[in-house]
C-alpha atoms as a PDB file:
ATOM      1  CA  PRO A   1      79.517 167.500  -3.311  1.00  0.00           C
ATOM      2  CA  PRO A   2      79.295 166.746   0.579  1.00  0.00           C
ATOM      3  CA  VAL A   3      78.437 162.736   0.811  1.00  0.00           C
ATOM      4  CA  TYR A   4      81.486 161.651  -0.059  1.00  0.00           C
ATOM      5  CA  TYR A   5      83.243 163.780   2.621  1.00  0.00           C
ATOM      6  CA  TRP A   6      80.665 163.137   5.213  1.00  0.00           C
ATOM      7  CA  LEU A   7      80.912 159.310   4.685  1.00  0.00           C
ATOM      8  CA  LEU A   8      84.390 159.272   4.519  1.00  0.00           C
ATOM      9  CA  HIS A   9      84.566 161.456   7.992  1.00  0.00           C
ATOM     10  CA  LEU A  10      82.465 158.766   9.531  1.00  0.00           C
ATOM     11  CA  TRP A  11      84.180 156.067   7.991  1.00  0.00           C
ATOM     12  CA  ASN A  12      87.626 157.329   9.462  1.00  0.00           C
ATOM     13  CA  GLY A  13      85.967 157.922  12.865  1.00  0.00           C
ATOM     14  CA  LEU A  14      84.870 154.227  12.683  1.00  0.00           C
ATOM     15  CA  PHE A  15      88.306 153.115  12.313  1.00  0.00           C
ATOM     16  CA  GLY A  16      89.488 155.811  14.941  1.00  0.00           C
ATOM     17  CA  VAL A  17      91.509 157.523  12.021  1.00  0.00           C
ATOM     18  CA  ALA A  18      93.298 160.709  14.047  1.00  0.00           C
ATOM     19  CA  LEU A  19      95.946 163.341  12.776  1.00  0.00           C
ATOM     20  CA  GLY A  20      99.223 162.345  13.734  1.00  0.00           C
ATOM     21  CA  GLN A  21      99.081 158.523  12.678  1.00  0.00           C
ATOM     22  CA  PRO A  22     101.217 157.344  10.183  1.00  0.00           C
ATOM     23  CA  PRO A  23     100.457 157.955   6.536  1.00  0.00           C
ATOM     24  CA  ASP A  24     100.339 154.987   5.410  1.00  0.00           C
ATOM     25  CA  SER A  25      97.375 153.735   7.869  1.00  0.00           C
ATOM     26  CA  LEU A  26      95.482 157.060   7.297  1.00  0.00           C
ATOM     27  CA  ALA A  27      95.781 155.912   3.785  1.00  0.00           C
ATOM     28  CA  LEU A  28      94.645 152.510   4.314  1.00  0.00           C
ATOM     29  CA  ALA A  29      91.685 153.671   6.463  1.00  0.00           C
ATOM     30  CA  SER A  30      90.769 156.239   3.737  1.00  0.00           C
ATOM     31  CA  ARG A  31      90.800 153.683   0.453  1.00  0.00           C
ATOM     32  CA  LEU A  32      88.916 151.342   2.459  1.00  0.00           C
ATOM     33  CA  LEU A  33      85.397 153.253   2.102  1.00  0.00           C
ATOM     34  CA  SER A  34      86.326 152.973  -1.564  1.00  0.00           C
ATOM     35  CA  VAL A  35      86.721 149.403  -1.715  1.00  0.00           C
ATOM     36  CA  PHE A  36      83.898 148.546   0.181  1.00  0.00           C
ATOM     37  CA  ALA A  37      81.875 150.854  -2.031  1.00  0.00           C
ATOM     38  CA  GLY A  38      83.623 148.904  -4.726  1.00  0.00           C
ATOM     39  CA  VAL A  39      82.923 145.355  -3.454  1.00  0.00           C
ATOM     40  CA  LEU A  40      79.459 146.761  -2.966  1.00  0.00           C
ATOM     41  CA  GLY A  41      78.920 148.144  -6.522  1.00  0.00           C
ATOM     42  CA  VAL A  42      80.159 144.978  -7.970  1.00  0.00           C
ATOM     43  CA  ALA A  43      77.538 143.014  -5.807  1.00  0.00           C
ATOM     44  CA  LEU A  44      74.344 144.986  -6.645  1.00  0.00           C
ATOM     45  CA  LEU A  45      75.274 144.483 -10.147  1.00  0.00           C
ATOM     46  CA  PHE A  46      74.138 141.067 -10.104  1.00  0.00           C
ATOM     47  CA  PRO A  47      70.444 141.313  -8.879  1.00  0.00           C
ATOM     48  CA  LEU A  48      70.506 144.554 -11.100  1.00  0.00           C
ATOM     49  CA  ALA A  49      71.409 142.813 -14.434  1.00  0.00           C
ATOM     50  CA  ARG A  50      69.263 139.681 -13.047  1.00  0.00           C
ATOM     51  CA  GLY A  51      66.124 141.622 -12.933  1.00  0.00           C
ATOM     52  CA  VAL A  52      66.268 143.195 -16.264  1.00  0.00           C
ATOM     53  CA  LEU A  53      65.433 140.362 -18.038  1.00  0.00           C
ATOM     54  CA  PRO A  54      62.577 138.144 -17.359  1.00  0.00           C
ATOM     55  CA  PRO A  55      62.946 135.249 -14.990  1.00  0.00           C
ATOM     56  CA  GLY A  56      64.198 132.091 -16.857  1.00  0.00           C
ATOM     57  CA  ARG A  57      65.743 133.391 -19.505  1.00  0.00           C
ATOM     58  CA  GLY A  58      69.584 133.273 -18.640  1.00  0.00           C
ATOM     59  CA  ALA A  59      68.722 136.198 -16.038  1.00  0.00           C
ATOM     60  CA  ALA A  60      70.897 134.547 -13.621  1.00  0.00           C
ATOM     61  CA  ALA A  61      73.736 134.390 -16.488  1.00  0.00           C
ATOM     62  CA  ALA A  62      73.401 137.983 -16.907  1.00  0.00           C
ATOM     63  CA  GLY A  63      74.100 138.921 -13.585  1.00  0.00           C
ATOM     64  CA  ALA A  64      76.814 136.757 -12.873  1.00  0.00           C
ATOM     65  CA  ILE A  65      78.448 137.925 -16.248  1.00  0.00           C
ATOM     66  CA  ALA A  66      78.094 141.350 -15.179  1.00  0.00           C
ATOM     67  CA  ALA A  67      79.267 141.245 -12.017  1.00  0.00           C
ATOM     68  CA  LEU A  68      82.048 139.258 -13.178  1.00  0.00           C
ATOM     69  CA  ALA A  69      83.214 141.750 -15.580  1.00  0.00           C
ATOM     70  CA  ALA A  70      82.721 144.790 -13.265  1.00  0.00           C
ATOM     71  CA  ALA A  71      84.810 142.514 -10.770  1.00  0.00           C
ATOM     72  CA  CYS A  72      87.627 142.130 -13.464  1.00  0.00           C
ATOM     73  CA  SER A  73      87.640 145.666 -15.226  1.00  0.00           C
ATOM     74  CA  PRO A  74      91.238 147.096 -14.465  1.00  0.00           C
ATOM     75  CA  PHE A  75      89.448 150.758 -14.145  1.00  0.00           C
ATOM     76  CA  TRP A  76      87.403 149.723 -11.590  1.00  0.00           C
ATOM     77  CA  LEU A  77      90.134 148.097  -9.554  1.00  0.00           C
ATOM     78  CA  ALA A  78      91.777 151.009 -10.098  1.00  0.00           C
ATOM     79  CA  GLU A  79      89.167 153.397  -9.022  1.00  0.00           C
ATOM     80  CA  SER A  80      88.504 150.947  -6.166  1.00  0.00           C
ATOM     81  CA  GLN A  81      91.280 151.944  -4.309  1.00  0.00           C
ATOM     82  CA  GLU A  82      91.681 155.447  -4.624  1.00  0.00           C
ATOM     83  CA  ALA A  83      90.254 157.711  -1.786  1.00  0.00           C
ATOM     84  CA  ARG A  84      88.101 159.289  -4.730  1.00  0.00           C
ATOM     85  CA  MET A  85      84.502 159.264  -4.689  1.00  0.00           C
ATOM     86  CA  TYR A  86      83.953 157.507  -7.853  1.00  0.00           C
ATOM     87  CA  SER A  87      83.256 153.975  -6.501  1.00  0.00           C
ATOM     88  CA  VAL A  88      81.130 155.699  -3.935  1.00  0.00           C
ATOM     89  CA  GLY A  89      78.993 157.213  -6.654  1.00  0.00           C
ATOM     90  CA  PHE A  90      78.652 154.137  -8.709  1.00  0.00           C
ATOM     91  CA  ALA A  91      77.484 152.249  -5.170  1.00  0.00           C
ATOM     92  CA  LEU A  92      74.475 155.120  -4.801  1.00  0.00           C
ATOM     93  CA  LEU A  93      73.867 155.177  -8.143  1.00  0.00           C
ATOM     94  CA  SER A  94      73.807 151.145  -8.628  1.00  0.00           C
ATOM     95  CA  ALA A  95      71.146 151.069  -5.647  1.00  0.00           C
ATOM     96  CA  ALA A  96      69.188 153.596  -7.151  1.00  0.00           C
ATOM     97  CA  ALA A  97      68.844 151.805 -10.260  1.00  0.00           C
ATOM     98  CA  LEU A  98      67.948 148.586  -8.399  1.00  0.00           C
ATOM     99  CA  ALA A  99      65.405 150.660  -6.304  1.00  0.00           C
ATOM    100  CA  LEU A 100      63.827 152.062  -9.620  1.00  0.00           C
ATOM    101  CA  LEU A 101      63.570 148.457 -11.238  1.00  0.00           C
ATOM    102  CA  ARG A 102      62.067 147.242  -7.707  1.00  0.00           C
ATOM    103  CA  SER A 103      59.759 150.071  -7.884  1.00  0.00           C
ATOM    104  CA  ILE A 104      58.207 148.762 -10.928  1.00  0.00           C
ATOM    105  CA  ASP A 105      56.053 145.816 -10.507  1.00  0.00           C
ATOM    106  CA  ARG A 106      55.310 143.290 -13.149  1.00  0.00           C
ATOM    107  CA  GLN A 107      51.665 142.875 -13.432  1.00  0.00           C
ATOM    108  CA  GLY A 108      50.116 140.679 -16.146  1.00  0.00           C
ATOM    109  CA  GLU A 109      52.837 138.619 -17.196  1.00  0.00           C
ATOM    110  CA  GLY A 110      51.423 135.694 -18.221  1.00  0.00           C
ATOM    111  CA  ARG A 111      48.337 137.306 -20.169  1.00  0.00           C
ATOM    112  CA  LEU A 112      50.936 139.178 -22.482  1.00  0.00           C
ATOM    113  CA  ALA A 113      53.490 136.590 -22.830  1.00  0.00           C
ATOM    114  CA  SER A 114      50.702 134.174 -23.554  1.00  0.00           C
ATOM    115  CA  GLN A 115      49.550 136.854 -26.497  1.00  0.00           C
ATOM    116  CA  GLY A 116      53.250 137.037 -27.508  1.00  0.00           C
ATOM    117  CA  ARG A 117      53.806 140.472 -25.824  1.00  0.00           C
ATOM    118  CA  LEU A 118      56.777 142.271 -23.977  1.00  0.00           C
ATOM    119  CA  ALA A 119      55.880 142.039 -20.343  1.00  0.00           C
ATOM    120  CA  SER A 120      55.563 145.400 -19.964  1.00  0.00           C
ATOM    121  CA  GLN A 121      52.379 145.813 -17.705  1.00  0.00           C
ATOM    122  CA  ARG A 122      54.125 147.867 -14.765  1.00  0.00           C
ATOM    123  CA  ARG A 123      53.188 149.880 -11.809  1.00  0.00           C
ATOM    124  CA  LEU A 124      55.374 151.801  -9.791  1.00  0.00           C
ATOM    125  CA  LEU A 125      55.299 151.010  -5.858  1.00  0.00           C
ATOM    126  CA  PRO A 126      55.769 154.136  -3.491  1.00  0.00           C
ATOM    127  CA  GLY A 127      58.414 152.618  -1.086  1.00  0.00           C
ATOM    128  CA  SER A 128      60.897 151.576  -3.397  1.00  0.00           C
ATOM    129  CA  LEU A 129      60.571 155.025  -5.296  1.00  0.00           C
ATOM    130  CA  ALA A 130      61.241 156.711  -1.971  1.00  0.00           C
ATOM    131  CA  ALA A 131      64.652 154.774  -1.853  1.00  0.00           C
ATOM    132  CA  PHE A 132      65.228 155.624  -5.525  1.00  0.00           C
ATOM    133  CA  VAL A 133      64.888 159.327  -4.739  1.00  0.00           C
ATOM    134  CA  LEU A 134      66.810 159.142  -1.679  1.00  0.00           C
ATOM    135  CA  LEU A 135      69.658 157.361  -3.210  1.00  0.00           C
ATOM    136  CA  ALA A 136      69.943 159.228  -6.624  1.00  0.00           C
ATOM    137  CA  THR A 137      69.823 162.226  -4.444  1.00  0.00           C
ATOM    138  CA  ALA A 138      72.868 161.055  -2.858  1.00  0.00           C
ATOM    139  CA  ALA A 139      74.480 159.911  -5.784  1.00  0.00           C
ATOM    140  CA  LEU A 140      74.142 163.542  -7.034  1.00  0.00           C
ATOM    141  CA  LEU A 141      75.780 164.938  -3.883  1.00  0.00           C
ATOM    142  CA  THR A 142      78.377 162.532  -4.159  1.00  0.00           C
ATOM    143  CA  HIS A 143      79.788 163.449  -7.828  1.00  0.00           C
ATOM    144  CA  TYR A 144      77.807 165.845 -10.206  1.00  0.00           C
ATOM    145  CA  ASN A 145      78.243 163.740 -13.000  1.00  0.00           C
ATOM    146  CA  ALA A 146      75.687 161.570 -11.785  1.00  0.00           C
ATOM    147  CA  VAL A 147      73.065 164.146 -13.296  1.00  0.00           C
ATOM    148  CA  PHE A 148      74.172 162.658 -17.013  1.00  0.00           C
ATOM    149  CA  VAL A 149      72.916 158.987 -15.599  1.00  0.00           C
ATOM    150  CA  LEU A 150      69.637 160.550 -14.086  1.00  0.00           C
ATOM    151  CA  VAL A 151      68.618 162.420 -16.673  1.00  0.00           C
ATOM    152  CA  THR A 152      69.092 159.247 -19.004  1.00  0.00           C
ATOM    153  CA  TRP A 153      66.934 157.769 -16.414  1.00  0.00           C
ATOM    154  CA  PHE A 154      64.307 159.852 -16.145  1.00  0.00           C
ATOM    155  CA  ALA A 155      63.759 160.230 -20.073  1.00  0.00           C
ATOM    156  CA  TRP A 156      63.477 156.517 -20.072  1.00  0.00           C
ATOM    157  CA  TRP A 157      60.915 156.775 -17.331  1.00  0.00           C
ATOM    158  CA  GLY A 158      59.013 159.808 -19.274  1.00  0.00           C
ATOM    159  CA  VAL A 159      58.981 157.511 -22.206  1.00  0.00           C
ATOM    160  CA  TRP A 160      57.536 154.531 -20.430  1.00  0.00           C
ATOM    161  CA  ALA A 161      55.168 156.688 -19.010  1.00  0.00           C
ATOM    162  CA  LEU A 162      53.773 158.088 -21.767  1.00  0.00           C
ATOM    163  CA  LEU A 163      53.362 154.760 -23.388  1.00  0.00           C
ATOM    164  CA  ARG A 164      50.915 153.617 -20.163  1.00  0.00           C
ATOM    165  CA  PRO A 165      47.396 153.967 -19.962  1.00  0.00           C
ATOM    166  CA  ASP A 166      47.532 155.786 -16.637  1.00  0.00           C
ATOM    167  CA  ARG A 167      50.071 157.997 -18.034  1.00  0.00           C
ATOM    168  CA  TRP A 168      49.210 160.683 -16.518  1.00  0.00           C
ATOM    169  CA  ARG A 169      49.589 159.291 -12.672  1.00  0.00           C
ATOM    170  CA  GLN A 170      52.931 158.097 -13.811  1.00  0.00           C
ATOM    171  CA  MET A 171      54.041 161.328 -15.191  1.00  0.00           C
ATOM    172  CA  ALA A 172      52.897 162.948 -11.763  1.00  0.00           C
ATOM    173  CA  ARG A 173      55.082 160.327 -10.096  1.00  0.00           C
ATOM    174  CA  LEU A 174      57.857 161.158 -12.352  1.00  0.00           C
ATOM    175  CA  LEU A 175      57.347 164.648 -11.975  1.00  0.00           C
ATOM    176  CA  CYS A 176      57.539 164.154  -7.916  1.00  0.00           C
ATOM    177  CA  ALA A 177      60.747 162.120  -8.214  1.00  0.00           C
ATOM    178  CA  GLY A 178      62.373 164.809 -10.232  1.00  0.00           C
ATOM    179  CA  LEU A 179      61.554 167.130  -7.726  1.00  0.00           C
END
């Protein structure tokens, strides 16, 4: 898929990489894109993990634990040092997940929480939905294995949409985003 190579071309142009330079400087400049994407992916895990939990129930601790686990992961550290598309794909998928999570606006939490139910009255906001579509598409065009993550997200989204009172409108949004 072309997105990683396009980004690498722009990145190398930003650092002035050209043919004929010593191999060590070529490798350093090329690998810095993966390092940058790895750091960005870890940074995106904090708000992503924090946003999954309701506020005040250890959400900040969950975000910190997720970011710390990713930052200390030997696999993640190794992948972030290679001039490969894996860390860029992960950063794009993390940003897409955050956009999808932010596109779901919480409504009626006080009423549902007081009734002892889960706060799942949510509606999709179109601006974040467009960001999700763009980031998910970029992730898919960075590495084809992103399709497995996206299929899982769309399955979850479909179940969520079917459980909503405005299910047909939500299913239409899901279909449009999928297309």
